[in-house]
Amino acid sequence: MYRSLLWTADRTTKAFVGVTAVAFGQAAHHANTYVPLPELHATDAGRVLPQKLRERREKASAALRAHAERFRRTATELLDTLKPRPKRVLFVGDSLVSGVGGSSTEAVRGPPLARRVSRLLADAYGVEVEWRSLGETGSDVSVIRRNLLPRIDQDYDVVVIMVGLNDFKQLARGEFWRTPWAFGRDLEDLVDEVKAKTNNARVVLPAYPVAVAGIAEPLKSYVGVVASAWDAQKKSLAEQGRATYVDVFQTDDDAGYTASDSIHPNERGYELWASHIVSAIAAEA
């Protein structure tokens, strides 16, 4: 019995010593590896509201935020009404509207006549300009009425119509009934139809820029004289107050404005022509 007690005491003592040694080892490791957390520099005083007051304050804050949001929306809507509406400009016509002769690297930005006129109009009016281009290369007035007119599907402020040269070409090819006067009647119908589909947009009828074409004399002068007979029909509509006519522009420097075909404008030619068109539009604004 006595031996059993001694054995138990010895084992208990050894276990206690072992556990104590492990605990001291853990404590030493913890002391050596412990990284103290930063001290919180918080306030040393405060106030606490009871739950009912906290709930009341939260409701008041939510109501204030809702009022602020309604005020923000109202102010935004008011500012939108004061902001000038963008001008909508439509370009309809033949290869000059399609952009034939322009730079292929610039084509991704749109046809040169449309984007250049629109940019200059935006500067002249001081407002944003939204533009659209409906062009079909080789189109005359009848093709425009048949193929392009049905694609007009919204109101516009200004519509620039490029037409006439291909009508003259049809006469030169033997269609002798395609006279300037027949063109004038068809053009009158086209202008009326465009106005009806665009909520009475201002129609602009530019003359063809044959004065700076790269063709040689005497053909250049001959084309200019013949084209003037078709452009006279546009001018007649303008004199009736039904359109704005943009006369042929002149320049002392007639070199470097046409593409390689010597007929269509290049980028430089479109820029010069666009400036001339916008000047005429702004003069009647």
C-alpha atoms as a PDB file:
ATOM      1  CA  MET A   1       0.000   0.000   0.000  1.00  0.00           C
ATOM      2  CA  TYR A   2       2.762   2.434   1.005  1.00  0.00           C
ATOM      3  CA  ARG A   3       4.752   1.608  -2.160  1.00  0.00           C
ATOM      4  CA  SER A   4       1.714   2.255  -4.315  1.00  0.00           C
ATOM      5  CA  LEU A   5       1.254   5.691  -2.813  1.00  0.00           C
ATOM      6  CA  LEU A   6       4.924   6.554  -3.358  1.00  0.00           C
ATOM      7  CA  TRP A   7       4.730   5.430  -7.001  1.00  0.00           C
ATOM      8  CA  THR A   8       1.614   7.509  -7.605  1.00  0.00           C
ATOM      9  CA  ALA A   9       3.170  10.565  -5.982  1.00  0.00           C
ATOM     10  CA  ASP A  10       6.333  10.166  -8.033  1.00  0.00           C
ATOM     11  CA  ARG A  11       4.416   9.881 -11.301  1.00  0.00           C
ATOM     12  CA  THR A  12       2.226  12.881 -10.435  1.00  0.00           C
ATOM     13  CA  THR A  13       5.269  14.984  -9.583  1.00  0.00           C
ATOM     14  CA  LYS A  14       7.002  14.067 -12.819  1.00  0.00           C
ATOM     15  CA  ALA A  15       3.850  14.841 -14.828  1.00  0.00           C
ATOM     16  CA  PHE A  16       3.479  18.200 -13.104  1.00  0.00           C
ATOM     17  CA  VAL A  17       7.110  19.066 -13.780  1.00  0.00           C
ATOM     18  CA  GLY A  18       6.735  18.038 -17.429  1.00  0.00           C
ATOM     19  CA  VAL A  19       3.579  20.071 -17.955  1.00  0.00           C
ATOM     20  CA  THR A  20       5.138  23.036 -16.191  1.00  0.00           C
ATOM     21  CA  ALA A  21       8.223  22.827 -18.405  1.00  0.00           C
ATOM     22  CA  VAL A  22       6.077  22.739 -21.531  1.00  0.00           C
ATOM     23  CA  ALA A  23       3.982  25.677 -20.301  1.00  0.00           C
ATOM     24  CA  PHE A  24       7.111  27.729 -19.554  1.00  0.00           C
ATOM     25  CA  GLY A  25       8.457  26.865 -23.001  1.00  0.00           C
ATOM     26  CA  GLN A  26       5.236  28.019 -24.635  1.00  0.00           C
ATOM     27  CA  ALA A  27       5.250  31.206 -22.584  1.00  0.00           C
ATOM     28  CA  ALA A  28       8.840  31.949 -23.583  1.00  0.00           C
ATOM     29  CA  HIS A  29       8.065  31.365 -27.277  1.00  0.00           C
ATOM     30  CA  HIS A  30       4.979  33.570 -27.093  1.00  0.00           C
ATOM     31  CA  ALA A  31       6.938  36.340 -25.378  1.00  0.00           C
ATOM     32  CA  ASN A  32       9.656  36.209 -28.037  1.00  0.00           C
ATOM     33  CA  THR A  33       7.301  36.165 -31.023  1.00  0.00           C
ATOM     34  CA  TYR A  34       4.456  38.419 -29.847  1.00  0.00           C
ATOM     35  CA  VAL A  35       3.881  41.564 -31.893  1.00  0.00           C
ATOM     36  CA  PRO A  36       1.775  44.078 -29.957  1.00  0.00           C
ATOM     37  CA  LEU A  37      -1.307  45.526 -31.698  1.00  0.00           C
ATOM     38  CA  PRO A  38      -1.423  49.289 -32.239  1.00  0.00           C
ATOM     39  CA  GLU A  39      -3.176  51.299 -29.602  1.00  0.00           C
ATOM     40  CA  LEU A  40      -6.582  52.654 -30.565  1.00  0.00           C
ATOM     41  CA  HIS A  41      -6.587  56.424 -30.353  1.00  0.00           C
ATOM     42  CA  ALA A  42     -10.293  56.684 -29.668  1.00  0.00           C
ATOM     43  CA  THR A  43     -12.182  59.333 -27.780  1.00  0.00           C
ATOM     44  CA  ASP A  44     -12.173  59.060 -24.039  1.00  0.00           C
ATOM     45  CA  ALA A  45     -15.773  60.208 -23.543  1.00  0.00           C
ATOM     46  CA  GLY A  46     -19.111  59.725 -25.264  1.00  0.00           C
ATOM     47  CA  ARG A  47     -22.894  59.651 -25.187  1.00  0.00           C
ATOM     48  CA  VAL A  48     -25.270  56.797 -25.895  1.00  0.00           C
ATOM     49  CA  LEU A  49     -28.900  57.267 -26.876  1.00  0.00           C
ATOM     50  CA  PRO A  50     -31.583  54.834 -25.825  1.00  0.00           C
ATOM     51  CA  GLN A  51     -32.894  52.514 -28.515  1.00  0.00           C
ATOM     52  CA  LYS A  52     -36.110  54.480 -29.159  1.00  0.00           C
ATOM     53  CA  LEU A  53     -34.189  57.679 -29.814  1.00  0.00           C
ATOM     54  CA  ARG A  54     -31.699  55.819 -31.999  1.00  0.00           C
ATOM     55  CA  GLU A  55     -34.545  54.425 -34.116  1.00  0.00           C
ATOM     56  CA  ARG A  56     -36.155  57.879 -34.351  1.00  0.00           C
ATOM     57  CA  ARG A  57     -32.885  59.415 -35.500  1.00  0.00           C
ATOM     58  CA  GLU A  58     -32.336  56.680 -38.095  1.00  0.00           C
ATOM     59  CA  LYS A  59     -35.829  57.295 -39.522  1.00  0.00           C
ATOM     60  CA  ALA A  60     -35.166  61.032 -39.693  1.00  0.00           C
ATOM     61  CA  SER A  61     -31.859  60.422 -41.466  1.00  0.00           C
ATOM     62  CA  ALA A  62     -33.528  58.110 -43.987  1.00  0.00           C
ATOM     63  CA  ALA A  63     -36.232  60.714 -44.677  1.00  0.00           C
ATOM     64  CA  LEU A  64     -33.580  63.407 -45.137  1.00  0.00           C
ATOM     65  CA  ARG A  65     -31.690  61.220 -47.604  1.00  0.00           C
ATOM     66  CA  ALA A  66     -34.907  60.578 -49.542  1.00  0.00           C
ATOM     67  CA  HIS A  67     -35.637  64.328 -49.724  1.00  0.00           C
ATOM     68  CA  ALA A  68     -32.084  64.966 -50.895  1.00  0.00           C
ATOM     69  CA  GLU A  69     -32.422  62.344 -53.648  1.00  0.00           C
ATOM     70  CA  ARG A  70     -35.746  63.828 -54.810  1.00  0.00           C
ATOM     71  CA  PHE A  71     -34.152  67.281 -54.881  1.00  0.00           C
ATOM     72  CA  ARG A  72     -31.215  65.930 -56.894  1.00  0.00           C
ATOM     73  CA  ARG A  73     -33.542  64.339 -59.452  1.00  0.00           C
ATOM     74  CA  THR A  74     -35.656  67.490 -59.732  1.00  0.00           C
ATOM     75  CA  ALA A  75     -32.567  69.655 -60.201  1.00  0.00           C
ATOM     76  CA  THR A  76     -31.213  67.280 -62.846  1.00  0.00           C
ATOM     77  CA  GLU A  77     -34.511  67.322 -64.759  1.00  0.00           C
ATOM     78  CA  LEU A  78     -34.611  71.120 -64.588  1.00  0.00           C
ATOM     79  CA  LEU A  79     -31.071  71.406 -65.899  1.00  0.00           C
ATOM     80  CA  ASP A  80     -31.930  69.003 -68.717  1.00  0.00           C
ATOM     81  CA  THR A  81     -34.826  71.246 -69.759  1.00  0.00           C
ATOM     82  CA  LEU A  82     -32.520  74.259 -69.788  1.00  0.00           C
ATOM     83  CA  LYS A  83     -29.822  72.437 -71.775  1.00  0.00           C
ATOM     84  CA  PRO A  84     -30.047  73.179 -75.515  1.00  0.00           C
ATOM     85  CA  ARG A  85     -31.474  70.321 -77.561  1.00  0.00           C
ATOM     86  CA  PRO A  86     -28.976  68.840 -80.015  1.00  0.00           C
ATOM     87  CA  LYS A  87     -29.385  69.897 -83.626  1.00  0.00           C
ATOM     88  CA  ARG A  88     -30.233  67.002 -85.932  1.00  0.00           C
ATOM     89  CA  VAL A  89     -28.754  67.186 -89.423  1.00  0.00           C
ATOM     90  CA  LEU A  90     -29.449  64.735 -92.264  1.00  0.00           C
ATOM     91  CA  PHE A  91     -27.398  64.356 -95.442  1.00  0.00           C
ATOM     92  CA  VAL A  92     -29.135  62.735 -98.415  1.00  0.00           C
ATOM     93  CA  GLY A  93     -27.802  62.245-101.911  1.00  0.00           C
ATOM     94  CA  ASP A  94     -25.285  60.735-104.270  1.00  0.00           C
ATOM     95  CA  SER A  95     -21.588  59.854-104.066  1.00  0.00           C
ATOM     96  CA  LEU A  96     -20.742  63.170-102.419  1.00  0.00           C
ATOM     97  CA  VAL A  97     -22.859  62.086 -99.459  1.00  0.00           C
ATOM     98  CA  SER A  98     -21.405  58.559 -99.589  1.00  0.00           C
ATOM     99  CA  GLY A  99     -17.946  60.089 -99.264  1.00  0.00           C
ATOM    100  CA  VAL A 100     -16.344  59.029-102.543  1.00  0.00           C
ATOM    101  CA  GLY A 101     -12.916  60.636-102.806  1.00  0.00           C
ATOM    102  CA  GLY A 102     -12.341  60.875 -99.080  1.00  0.00           C
ATOM    103  CA  SER A 103      -9.507  59.261 -97.180  1.00  0.00           C
ATOM    104  CA  SER A 104      -9.920  55.541 -96.522  1.00  0.00           C
ATOM    105  CA  THR A 105      -8.214  55.944 -93.146  1.00  0.00           C
ATOM    106  CA  GLU A 106     -10.834  58.520 -92.136  1.00  0.00           C
ATOM    107  CA  ALA A 107     -13.794  56.500 -93.422  1.00  0.00           C
ATOM    108  CA  VAL A 108     -14.332  54.829 -90.045  1.00  0.00           C
ATOM    109  CA  ARG A 109     -15.372  58.228 -88.674  1.00  0.00           C
ATOM    110  CA  GLY A 110     -18.019  58.683 -91.355  1.00  0.00           C
ATOM    111  CA  PRO A 111     -18.383  60.362 -94.760  1.00  0.00           C
ATOM    112  CA  PRO A 112     -16.245  63.521 -94.904  1.00  0.00           C
ATOM    113  CA  LEU A 113     -18.977  65.954 -95.952  1.00  0.00           C
ATOM    114  CA  ALA A 114     -21.357  64.931 -93.156  1.00  0.00           C
ATOM    115  CA  ARG A 115     -18.822  64.949 -90.337  1.00  0.00           C
ATOM    116  CA  ARG A 116     -17.135  68.173 -91.436  1.00  0.00           C
ATOM    117  CA  VAL A 117     -20.351  70.133 -91.947  1.00  0.00           C
ATOM    118  CA  SER A 118     -21.682  68.830 -88.623  1.00  0.00           C
ATOM    119  CA  ARG A 119     -18.526  69.813 -86.763  1.00  0.00           C
ATOM    120  CA  LEU A 120     -18.620  73.332 -88.189  1.00  0.00           C
ATOM    121  CA  LEU A 121     -22.352  73.651 -87.468  1.00  0.00           C
ATOM    122  CA  ALA A 122     -21.771  72.599 -83.860  1.00  0.00           C
ATOM    123  CA  ASP A 123     -19.208  75.382 -83.535  1.00  0.00           C
ATOM    124  CA  ALA A 124     -21.478  77.906 -85.263  1.00  0.00           C
ATOM    125  CA  TYR A 125     -24.587  77.095 -83.199  1.00  0.00           C
ATOM    126  CA  GLY A 126     -22.737  76.351 -79.974  1.00  0.00           C
ATOM    127  CA  VAL A 127     -24.719  73.139 -79.443  1.00  0.00           C
ATOM    128  CA  GLU A 128     -24.252  69.429 -79.997  1.00  0.00           C
ATOM    129  CA  VAL A 129     -25.044  68.201 -83.508  1.00  0.00           C
ATOM    130  CA  GLU A 130     -26.371  64.708 -84.247  1.00  0.00           C
ATOM    131  CA  TRP A 131     -25.909  63.770 -87.887  1.00  0.00           C
ATOM    132  CA  ARG A 132     -26.931  60.959 -90.208  1.00  0.00           C
ATOM    133  CA  SER A 133     -25.835  60.249 -93.771  1.00  0.00           C
ATOM    134  CA  LEU A 134     -28.004  58.487 -96.381  1.00  0.00           C
ATOM    135  CA  GLY A 135     -25.973  58.264 -99.572  1.00  0.00           C
ATOM    136  CA  GLU A 136     -26.135  56.096-102.687  1.00  0.00           C
ATOM    137  CA  THR A 137     -23.404  56.478-105.277  1.00  0.00           C
ATOM    138  CA  GLY A 138     -24.782  57.251-108.741  1.00  0.00           C
ATOM    139  CA  SER A 139     -28.223  58.253-107.486  1.00  0.00           C
ATOM    140  CA  ASP A 140     -30.310  60.860-109.261  1.00  0.00           C
ATOM    141  CA  VAL A 141     -33.416  62.558-107.897  1.00  0.00           C
ATOM    142  CA  SER A 142     -35.688  59.613-108.753  1.00  0.00           C
ATOM    143  CA  VAL A 143     -33.379  57.091-107.053  1.00  0.00           C
ATOM    144  CA  ILE A 144     -33.197  59.269-103.958  1.00  0.00           C
ATOM    145  CA  ARG A 145     -36.985  59.422-103.771  1.00  0.00           C
ATOM    146  CA  ARG A 146     -37.327  55.673-104.325  1.00  0.00           C
ATOM    147  CA  ASN A 147     -34.466  54.272-102.220  1.00  0.00           C
ATOM    148  CA  LEU A 148     -33.392  56.856 -99.658  1.00  0.00           C
ATOM    149  CA  LEU A 149     -36.532  58.777 -98.781  1.00  0.00           C
ATOM    150  CA  PRO A 150     -38.245  55.750 -97.133  1.00  0.00           C
ATOM    151  CA  ARG A 151     -35.273  55.452 -94.752  1.00  0.00           C
ATOM    152  CA  ILE A 152     -35.936  58.834 -93.154  1.00  0.00           C
ATOM    153  CA  ASP A 153     -37.601  57.906 -89.883  1.00  0.00           C
ATOM    154  CA  GLN A 154     -37.326  60.894 -87.528  1.00  0.00           C
ATOM    155  CA  ASP A 155     -37.475  64.677 -87.318  1.00  0.00           C
ATOM    156  CA  TYR A 156     -34.501  66.801 -88.356  1.00  0.00           C
ATOM    157  CA  ASP A 157     -33.588  70.458 -88.101  1.00  0.00           C
ATOM    158  CA  VAL A 158     -31.543  70.617 -91.304  1.00  0.00           C
ATOM    159  CA  VAL A 159     -31.467  68.342 -94.362  1.00  0.00           C
ATOM    160  CA  VAL A 160     -28.655  68.755 -96.895  1.00  0.00           C
ATOM    161  CA  ILE A 161     -29.555  67.259-100.286  1.00  0.00           C
ATOM    162  CA  MET A 162     -26.813  66.582-102.842  1.00  0.00           C
ATOM    163  CA  VAL A 163     -28.402  65.887-106.208  1.00  0.00           C
ATOM    164  CA  GLY A 164     -28.256  66.953-109.854  1.00  0.00           C
ATOM    165  CA  LEU A 165     -25.013  65.771-111.377  1.00  0.00           C
ATOM    166  CA  ASN A 166     -26.266  62.264-112.139  1.00  0.00           C
ATOM    167  CA  ASP A 167     -29.488  63.713-113.562  1.00  0.00           C
ATOM    168  CA  PHE A 168     -27.393  65.699-116.033  1.00  0.00           C
ATOM    169  CA  LYS A 169     -25.384  62.578-116.849  1.00  0.00           C
ATOM    170  CA  GLN A 170     -28.601  60.748-117.775  1.00  0.00           C
ATOM    171  CA  LEU A 171     -29.347  63.475-120.318  1.00  0.00           C
ATOM    172  CA  ALA A 172     -25.825  63.179-121.723  1.00  0.00           C
ATOM    173  CA  ARG A 173     -26.389  59.433-122.125  1.00  0.00           C
ATOM    174  CA  GLY A 174     -29.369  59.962-124.397  1.00  0.00           C
ATOM    175  CA  GLU A 175     -32.339  60.350-122.042  1.00  0.00           C
ATOM    176  CA  PHE A 176     -33.331  63.635-123.643  1.00  0.00           C
ATOM    177  CA  TRP A 177     -36.440  64.062-121.509  1.00  0.00           C
ATOM    178  CA  ARG A 178     -34.187  64.529-118.450  1.00  0.00           C
ATOM    179  CA  THR A 179     -34.089  68.305-118.911  1.00  0.00           C
ATOM    180  CA  PRO A 180     -33.283  70.849-116.184  1.00  0.00           C
ATOM    181  CA  TRP A 181     -36.999  71.682-115.975  1.00  0.00           C
ATOM    182  CA  ALA A 182     -37.973  68.040-115.488  1.00  0.00           C
ATOM    183  CA  PHE A 183     -35.311  67.865-112.797  1.00  0.00           C
ATOM    184  CA  GLY A 184     -36.795  70.971-111.193  1.00  0.00           C
ATOM    185  CA  ARG A 185     -40.247  69.397-110.942  1.00  0.00           C
ATOM    186  CA  ASP A 186     -38.847  66.197-109.428  1.00  0.00           C
ATOM    187  CA  LEU A 187     -36.671  68.192-107.032  1.00  0.00           C
ATOM    188  CA  GLU A 188     -39.683  70.204-105.897  1.00  0.00           C
ATOM    189  CA  ASP A 189     -41.516  66.975-105.067  1.00  0.00           C
ATOM    190  CA  LEU A 190     -38.445  65.637-103.250  1.00  0.00           C
ATOM    191  CA  VAL A 191     -38.138  68.773-101.116  1.00  0.00           C
ATOM    192  CA  ASP A 192     -41.832  68.612-100.180  1.00  0.00           C
ATOM    193  CA  GLU A 193     -41.552  64.931 -99.275  1.00  0.00           C
ATOM    194  CA  VAL A 194     -38.434  65.522 -97.168  1.00  0.00           C
ATOM    195  CA  LYS A 195     -40.146  68.327 -95.268  1.00  0.00           C
ATOM    196  CA  ALA A 196     -43.184  66.132 -94.645  1.00  0.00           C
ATOM    197  CA  LYS A 197     -41.047  63.308 -93.218  1.00  0.00           C
ATOM    198  CA  THR A 198     -38.790  65.507 -91.062  1.00  0.00           C
ATOM    199  CA  ASN A 199     -41.328  67.851 -89.448  1.00  0.00           C
ATOM    200  CA  ASN A 200     -40.602  70.712 -91.837  1.00  0.00           C
ATOM    201  CA  ALA A 201     -36.816  70.639 -91.631  1.00  0.00           C
ATOM    202  CA  ARG A 202     -34.773  73.359 -93.268  1.00  0.00           C
ATOM    203  CA  VAL A 203     -33.668  71.978 -96.651  1.00  0.00           C
ATOM    204  CA  VAL A 204     -30.262  72.996 -97.990  1.00  0.00           C
ATOM    205  CA  LEU A 205     -29.458  72.566-101.696  1.00  0.00           C
ATOM    206  CA  PRO A 206     -25.764  73.121-102.447  1.00  0.00           C
ATOM    207  CA  ALA A 207     -24.560  73.711-105.989  1.00  0.00           C
ATOM    208  CA  TYR A 208     -21.974  71.270-107.269  1.00  0.00           C
ATOM    209  CA  PRO A 209     -18.340  72.302-106.673  1.00  0.00           C
ATOM    210  CA  VAL A 210     -17.333  71.993-110.314  1.00  0.00           C
ATOM    211  CA  ALA A 211     -15.242  75.175-110.095  1.00  0.00           C
ATOM    212  CA  VAL A 212     -12.459  73.320-108.289  1.00  0.00           C
ATOM    213  CA  ALA A 213     -12.711  70.058-110.220  1.00  0.00           C
ATOM    214  CA  GLY A 214      -9.429  68.756-111.548  1.00  0.00           C
ATOM    215  CA  ILE A 215     -10.618  68.367-115.132  1.00  0.00           C
ATOM    216  CA  ALA A 216      -8.896  70.272-117.932  1.00  0.00           C
ATOM    217  CA  GLU A 217     -10.273  73.077-120.056  1.00  0.00           C
ATOM    218  CA  PRO A 218     -12.402  73.486-122.072  1.00  0.00           C
ATOM    219  CA  LEU A 219     -14.350  70.560-120.551  1.00  0.00           C
ATOM    220  CA  LYS A 220     -14.216  72.165-117.114  1.00  0.00           C
ATOM    221  CA  SER A 221     -15.939  75.344-118.278  1.00  0.00           C
ATOM    222  CA  TYR A 222     -18.460  73.352-120.321  1.00  0.00           C
ATOM    223  CA  VAL A 223     -19.437  71.228-117.316  1.00  0.00           C
ATOM    224  CA  GLY A 224     -19.726  74.366-115.213  1.00  0.00           C
ATOM    225  CA  VAL A 225     -22.128  75.997-117.671  1.00  0.00           C
ATOM    226  CA  VAL A 226     -24.276  72.874-118.002  1.00  0.00           C
ATOM    227  CA  ALA A 227     -24.334  72.215-114.246  1.00  0.00           C
ATOM    228  CA  SER A 228     -25.506  75.778-113.657  1.00  0.00           C
ATOM    229  CA  ALA A 229     -28.736  74.977-115.534  1.00  0.00           C
ATOM    230  CA  TRP A 230     -29.531  72.241-113.003  1.00  0.00           C
ATOM    231  CA  ASP A 231     -28.367  74.348-110.075  1.00  0.00           C
ATOM    232  CA  ALA A 232     -30.719  77.108-111.267  1.00  0.00           C
ATOM    233  CA  GLN A 233     -33.621  74.814-110.346  1.00  0.00           C
ATOM    234  CA  LYS A 234     -32.310  74.654-106.793  1.00  0.00           C
ATOM    235  CA  LYS A 235     -31.963  78.424-106.706  1.00  0.00           C
ATOM    236  CA  SER A 236     -35.551  78.798-107.890  1.00  0.00           C
ATOM    237  CA  LEU A 237     -36.835  76.797-104.921  1.00  0.00           C
ATOM    238  CA  ALA A 238     -34.770  78.966-102.601  1.00  0.00           C
ATOM    239  CA  GLU A 239     -36.265  82.122-104.103  1.00  0.00           C
ATOM    240  CA  GLN A 240     -39.702  80.693-103.285  1.00  0.00           C
ATOM    241  CA  GLY A 241     -38.631  80.331 -99.655  1.00  0.00           C
ATOM    242  CA  ARG A 242     -38.766  76.537 -99.783  1.00  0.00           C
ATOM    243  CA  ALA A 243     -35.044  75.819 -99.411  1.00  0.00           C
ATOM    244  CA  THR A 244     -31.633  77.359 -98.819  1.00  0.00           C
ATOM    245  CA  TYR A 245     -29.448  77.495-101.907  1.00  0.00           C
ATOM    246  CA  VAL A 246     -25.664  77.352-101.542  1.00  0.00           C
ATOM    247  CA  ASP A 247     -23.975  78.855-104.586  1.00  0.00           C
ATOM    248  CA  VAL A 248     -20.786  77.546-106.178  1.00  0.00           C
ATOM    249  CA  PHE A 249     -17.736  78.544-104.173  1.00  0.00           C
ATOM    250  CA  GLN A 250     -14.712  80.073-105.817  1.00  0.00           C
ATOM    251  CA  THR A 251     -11.065  79.911-104.833  1.00  0.00           C
ATOM    252  CA  ASP A 252      -7.889  81.349-106.287  1.00  0.00           C
ATOM    253  CA  ASP A 253      -6.135  78.096-105.491  1.00  0.00           C
ATOM    254  CA  ASP A 254      -7.944  75.417-107.505  1.00  0.00           C
ATOM    255  CA  ALA A 255      -5.240  72.788-107.179  1.00  0.00           C
ATOM    256  CA  GLY A 256      -5.176  69.961-104.679  1.00  0.00           C
ATOM    257  CA  TYR A 257      -8.882  69.767-103.860  1.00  0.00           C
ATOM    258  CA  THR A 258      -9.903  66.727-105.907  1.00  0.00           C
ATOM    259  CA  ALA A 259      -9.315  63.008-105.568  1.00  0.00           C
ATOM    260  CA  SER A 260      -7.356  60.958-108.072  1.00  0.00           C
ATOM    261  CA  ASP A 261     -10.388  60.709-110.395  1.00  0.00           C
ATOM    262  CA  SER A 262     -10.297  64.517-110.876  1.00  0.00           C
ATOM    263  CA  ILE A 263     -14.046  64.633-110.161  1.00  0.00           C
ATOM    264  CA  HIS A 264     -14.779  64.038-106.481  1.00  0.00           C
ATOM    265  CA  PRO A 265     -13.316  66.194-103.701  1.00  0.00           C
ATOM    266  CA  ASN A 266     -10.545  64.818-101.523  1.00  0.00           C
ATOM    267  CA  GLU A 267     -10.405  65.451 -97.773  1.00  0.00           C
ATOM    268  CA  ARG A 268      -9.073  68.952 -98.350  1.00  0.00           C
ATOM    269  CA  GLY A 269     -11.794  69.637-100.898  1.00  0.00           C
ATOM    270  CA  TYR A 270     -14.533  68.385 -98.574  1.00  0.00           C
ATOM    271  CA  GLU A 271     -13.185  70.624 -95.805  1.00  0.00           C
ATOM    272  CA  LEU A 272     -13.277  73.706 -98.032  1.00  0.00           C
ATOM    273  CA  TRP A 273     -16.710  72.834 -99.345  1.00  0.00           C
ATOM    274  CA  ALA A 274     -18.123  72.119 -95.874  1.00  0.00           C
ATOM    275  CA  SER A 275     -16.941  75.519 -94.656  1.00  0.00           C
ATOM    276  CA  HIS A 276     -18.661  77.192 -97.618  1.00  0.00           C
ATOM    277  CA  ILE A 277     -21.934  75.326 -96.947  1.00  0.00           C
ATOM    278  CA  VAL A 278     -21.956  76.151 -93.240  1.00  0.00           C
ATOM    279  CA  SER A 279     -21.266  79.827 -93.953  1.00  0.00           C
ATOM    280  CA  ALA A 280     -24.348  79.931 -96.177  1.00  0.00           C
ATOM    281  CA  ILE A 281     -26.494  78.136 -93.587  1.00  0.00           C
ATOM    282  CA  ALA A 282     -25.350  80.407 -90.760  1.00  0.00           C
ATOM    283  CA  ALA A 283     -25.976  83.514 -92.861  1.00  0.00           C
ATOM    284  CA  GLU A 284     -29.701  82.662 -93.033  1.00  0.00           C
ATOM    285  CA  ALA A 285     -30.033  81.396 -89.460  1.00  0.00           C
END
